[in-house]
Amino acid sequence: MTGCQGELVNEDFEVYIEDNEGNVVLDDTVQSLPNGFIDLWLPRDRTYQITIAYDGKTAESEFSTFEGDDTCITTMQLS
């Protein structure tokens, strides 16, 4: 991701991801990169629910990994 900079650099986030069948794909602490983003690699052709928590705030969203889907999500905001 060139040209993008997130606000929370090298910070720890609690990340929880389930697929559309209810299988837990990730439930772990993940550190943001020097650009402020979290880099995740997930299986293709699935729909997921994600919850990200940081400092008492959370963000929840649904996304998918089908051909043509966005590979960079920049719309999630902690609240």
N, C-alpha and C. Protein backbone atom coordinates (compact mmCIF):
# COMPACT_ATOMS: atom_id res chain seq x y z
N MET A 1 0.84 -1.18 0.00
CA MET A 1 0.00 0.00 0.00
C MET A 1 0.88 1.23 0.00
N THR A 2 1.09 1.78 -1.11
CA THR A 2 1.88 2.99 -1.19
C THR A 2 0.97 4.20 -1.11
N GLY A 3 1.40 5.20 -0.40
CA GLY A 3 0.63 6.44 -0.31
C GLY A 3 -0.42 6.45 0.77
N CYS A 4 -0.62 5.34 1.49
CA CYS A 4 -1.61 5.31 2.57
C CYS A 4 -0.89 5.28 3.91
N GLN A 5 -1.44 5.99 4.88
CA GLN A 5 -0.86 5.98 6.22
C GLN A 5 -1.99 5.95 7.24
N GLY A 6 -2.03 4.89 8.05
CA GLY A 6 -2.99 4.79 9.13
C GLY A 6 -2.53 5.59 10.33
N GLU A 7 -3.45 5.82 11.25
CA GLU A 7 -3.14 6.66 12.41
C GLU A 7 -2.46 5.91 13.55
N LEU A 8 -2.75 4.62 13.70
CA LEU A 8 -2.24 3.87 14.85
C LEU A 8 -1.13 2.93 14.38
N VAL A 9 0.10 3.39 14.53
CA VAL A 9 1.29 2.69 14.04
C VAL A 9 1.86 1.79 15.13
N ASN A 10 2.18 0.55 14.77
CA ASN A 10 2.81 -0.41 15.68
C ASN A 10 2.03 -0.58 16.98
N GLU A 11 0.72 -0.61 16.88
CA GLU A 11 -0.15 -0.81 18.04
C GLU A 11 -0.77 -2.21 18.00
N ASP A 12 -1.11 -2.75 19.17
CA ASP A 12 -1.72 -4.07 19.27
C ASP A 12 -3.25 -3.96 19.22
N PHE A 13 -3.85 -4.78 18.36
CA PHE A 13 -5.30 -4.84 18.20
C PHE A 13 -5.77 -6.27 18.44
N GLU A 14 -6.93 -6.41 19.07
CA GLU A 14 -7.56 -7.72 19.20
C GLU A 14 -8.39 -7.91 17.93
N VAL A 15 -8.12 -8.97 17.19
CA VAL A 15 -8.81 -9.22 15.93
C VAL A 15 -9.51 -10.57 16.00
N TYR A 16 -10.81 -10.55 15.69
CA TYR A 16 -11.63 -11.76 15.69
C TYR A 16 -12.33 -11.85 14.34
N ILE A 17 -12.14 -12.97 13.64
CA ILE A 17 -12.74 -13.16 12.32
C ILE A 17 -13.42 -14.53 12.28
N GLU A 18 -14.67 -14.52 11.81
CA GLU A 18 -15.42 -15.75 11.55
C GLU A 18 -15.80 -15.78 10.08
N ASP A 19 -15.84 -17.01 9.50
CA ASP A 19 -16.36 -17.11 8.14
C ASP A 19 -17.88 -17.22 8.19
N ASN A 20 -18.52 -17.27 7.03
CA ASN A 20 -19.98 -17.26 6.99
C ASN A 20 -20.60 -18.56 7.49
N GLU A 21 -19.78 -19.55 7.79
CA GLU A 21 -20.27 -20.80 8.37
C GLU A 21 -20.07 -20.85 9.88
N GLY A 22 -19.56 -19.76 10.46
CA GLY A 22 -19.35 -19.69 11.90
C GLY A 22 -18.02 -20.23 12.39
N ASN A 23 -17.13 -20.58 11.47
CA ASN A 23 -15.81 -21.06 11.85
C ASN A 23 -14.91 -19.89 12.21
N VAL A 24 -14.24 -19.99 13.34
CA VAL A 24 -13.30 -18.95 13.76
C VAL A 24 -12.03 -19.08 12.93
N VAL A 25 -11.71 -18.02 12.20
CA VAL A 25 -10.54 -18.00 11.34
C VAL A 25 -9.36 -17.37 12.06
N LEU A 26 -9.63 -16.37 12.89
CA LEU A 26 -8.58 -15.69 13.64
C LEU A 26 -9.16 -15.13 14.92
N ASP A 27 -8.48 -15.36 16.02
CA ASP A 27 -8.83 -14.79 17.32
C ASP A 27 -7.52 -14.54 18.04
N ASP A 28 -6.92 -13.37 17.79
CA ASP A 28 -5.56 -13.14 18.26
C ASP A 28 -5.26 -11.65 18.36
N THR A 29 -4.17 -11.34 18.99
CA THR A 29 -3.65 -9.98 19.01
C THR A 29 -2.75 -9.80 17.80
N VAL A 30 -2.99 -8.71 17.05
CA VAL A 30 -2.24 -8.43 15.84
C VAL A 30 -1.68 -7.02 15.93
N GLN A 31 -0.41 -6.85 15.61
CA GLN A 31 0.20 -5.53 15.66
C GLN A 31 0.11 -4.85 14.30
N SER A 32 -0.28 -3.58 14.31
CA SER A 32 -0.32 -2.83 13.06
C SER A 32 1.11 -2.59 12.57
N LEU A 33 1.22 -2.41 11.28
CA LEU A 33 2.51 -2.21 10.63
C LEU A 33 2.96 -0.75 10.76
N PRO A 34 4.17 -0.43 10.34
CA PRO A 34 4.65 0.95 10.39
C PRO A 34 3.78 1.93 9.59
N ASN A 35 2.99 1.41 8.65
CA ASN A 35 2.08 2.28 7.90
C ASN A 35 0.71 2.41 8.57
N GLY A 36 0.55 1.78 9.75
CA GLY A 36 -0.69 1.88 10.51
C GLY A 36 -1.77 0.89 10.11
N PHE A 37 -1.50 0.03 9.15
CA PHE A 37 -2.49 -0.95 8.69
C PHE A 37 -2.20 -2.33 9.26
N ILE A 38 -3.20 -3.18 9.26
CA ILE A 38 -3.06 -4.58 9.67
C ILE A 38 -3.07 -5.41 8.39
N ASP A 39 -2.11 -6.28 8.24
CA ASP A 39 -1.99 -7.11 7.05
C ASP A 39 -2.49 -8.51 7.37
N LEU A 40 -3.58 -8.93 6.71
CA LEU A 40 -4.15 -10.25 6.93
C LEU A 40 -4.28 -10.98 5.60
N TRP A 41 -3.96 -12.25 5.60
CA TRP A 41 -4.14 -13.10 4.43
C TRP A 41 -5.18 -14.14 4.78
N LEU A 42 -6.26 -14.18 3.99
CA LEU A 42 -7.38 -15.08 4.27
C LEU A 42 -7.72 -15.90 3.04
N PRO A 43 -8.32 -17.08 3.24
CA PRO A 43 -8.71 -17.91 2.10
C PRO A 43 -9.67 -17.17 1.16
N ARG A 44 -9.53 -17.46 -0.13
CA ARG A 44 -10.35 -16.83 -1.16
C ARG A 44 -11.77 -17.40 -1.17
N ASP A 45 -12.64 -16.64 -1.82
CA ASP A 45 -14.01 -17.07 -2.12
C ASP A 45 -14.83 -17.36 -0.87
N ARG A 46 -14.70 -16.50 0.12
CA ARG A 46 -15.48 -16.64 1.36
C ARG A 46 -15.93 -15.26 1.84
N THR A 47 -16.95 -15.28 2.69
CA THR A 47 -17.44 -14.06 3.34
C THR A 47 -17.09 -14.16 4.82
N TYR A 48 -16.68 -13.03 5.40
CA TYR A 48 -16.21 -13.01 6.78
C TYR A 48 -16.89 -11.89 7.57
N GLN A 49 -16.97 -12.10 8.88
CA GLN A 49 -17.33 -11.06 9.85
C GLN A 49 -16.07 -10.78 10.65
N ILE A 50 -15.72 -9.50 10.80
CA ILE A 50 -14.51 -9.14 11.54
C ILE A 50 -14.86 -8.15 12.65
N THR A 51 -14.24 -8.35 13.79
CA THR A 51 -14.31 -7.39 14.90
C THR A 51 -12.88 -7.04 15.28
N ILE A 52 -12.60 -5.75 15.33
CA ILE A 52 -11.29 -5.26 15.74
C ILE A 52 -11.49 -4.40 16.98
N ALA A 53 -10.72 -4.66 18.03
CA ALA A 53 -10.83 -3.91 19.28
C ALA A 53 -9.48 -3.29 19.63
N TYR A 54 -9.56 -2.05 20.16
CA TYR A 54 -8.35 -1.34 20.57
C TYR A 54 -8.75 -0.29 21.60
N ASP A 55 -8.12 -0.33 22.75
CA ASP A 55 -8.29 0.71 23.77
C ASP A 55 -9.76 0.96 24.11
N GLY A 56 -10.53 -0.12 24.26
CA GLY A 56 -11.94 0.00 24.64
C GLY A 56 -12.88 0.36 23.50
N LYS A 57 -12.37 0.48 22.30
CA LYS A 57 -13.19 0.81 21.13
C LYS A 57 -13.19 -0.38 20.18
N THR A 58 -14.28 -0.51 19.40
CA THR A 58 -14.37 -1.61 18.45
C THR A 58 -14.85 -1.13 17.09
N ALA A 59 -14.56 -1.96 16.10
CA ALA A 59 -15.08 -1.78 14.74
C ALA A 59 -15.51 -3.15 14.26
N GLU A 60 -16.68 -3.22 13.62
CA GLU A 60 -17.18 -4.48 13.09
C GLU A 60 -17.56 -4.29 11.64
N SER A 61 -17.35 -5.34 10.85
CA SER A 61 -17.68 -5.24 9.43
C SER A 61 -17.79 -6.62 8.82
N GLU A 62 -18.42 -6.68 7.66
CA GLU A 62 -18.44 -7.88 6.86
C GLU A 62 -17.64 -7.60 5.59
N PHE A 63 -16.89 -8.57 5.14
CA PHE A 63 -16.14 -8.42 3.89
C PHE A 63 -16.01 -9.79 3.25
N SER A 64 -15.60 -9.81 2.00
CA SER A 64 -15.43 -11.09 1.31
C SER A 64 -14.15 -11.07 0.48
N THR A 65 -13.76 -12.28 0.05
CA THR A 65 -12.52 -12.44 -0.69
C THR A 65 -12.75 -13.07 -2.06
N PHE A 66 -13.87 -12.74 -2.67
CA PHE A 66 -14.16 -13.25 -4.01
C PHE A 66 -13.42 -12.42 -5.06
N GLU A 67 -13.25 -12.98 -6.24
CA GLU A 67 -12.59 -12.26 -7.32
C GLU A 67 -13.32 -10.94 -7.57
N GLY A 68 -12.58 -9.86 -7.67
CA GLY A 68 -13.16 -8.54 -7.88
C GLY A 68 -13.43 -7.78 -6.59
N ASP A 69 -13.35 -8.45 -5.42
CA ASP A 69 -13.54 -7.75 -4.13
C ASP A 69 -12.31 -6.89 -3.84
N ASP A 70 -12.54 -5.85 -3.04
CA ASP A 70 -11.43 -5.00 -2.62
C ASP A 70 -10.43 -5.82 -1.80
N THR A 71 -9.16 -5.53 -1.97
CA THR A 71 -8.13 -6.20 -1.18
C THR A 71 -7.61 -5.31 -0.06
N CYS A 72 -8.07 -4.08 -0.02
CA CYS A 72 -7.67 -3.14 1.02
C CYS A 72 -8.94 -2.48 1.55
N ILE A 73 -9.18 -2.66 2.85
CA ILE A 73 -10.37 -2.08 3.48
C ILE A 73 -9.92 -0.89 4.33
N THR A 74 -10.40 0.28 3.99
CA THR A 74 -9.99 1.50 4.72
C THR A 74 -11.17 2.20 5.35
N THR A 75 -12.34 1.55 5.40
CA THR A 75 -13.55 2.20 5.88
C THR A 75 -13.90 1.87 7.32
N MET A 76 -13.20 0.96 7.96
CA MET A 76 -13.52 0.59 9.34
C MET A 76 -12.97 1.65 10.29
N GLN A 77 -13.83 2.12 11.19
CA GLN A 77 -13.42 3.11 12.18
C GLN A 77 -13.76 2.62 13.57
N LEU A 78 -12.84 2.76 14.49
CA LEU A 78 -13.08 2.38 15.87
C LEU A 78 -14.01 3.40 16.52
N SER A 79 -14.97 2.88 17.29
CA SER A 79 -15.85 3.80 18.02
C SER A 79 -16.23 3.20 19.35
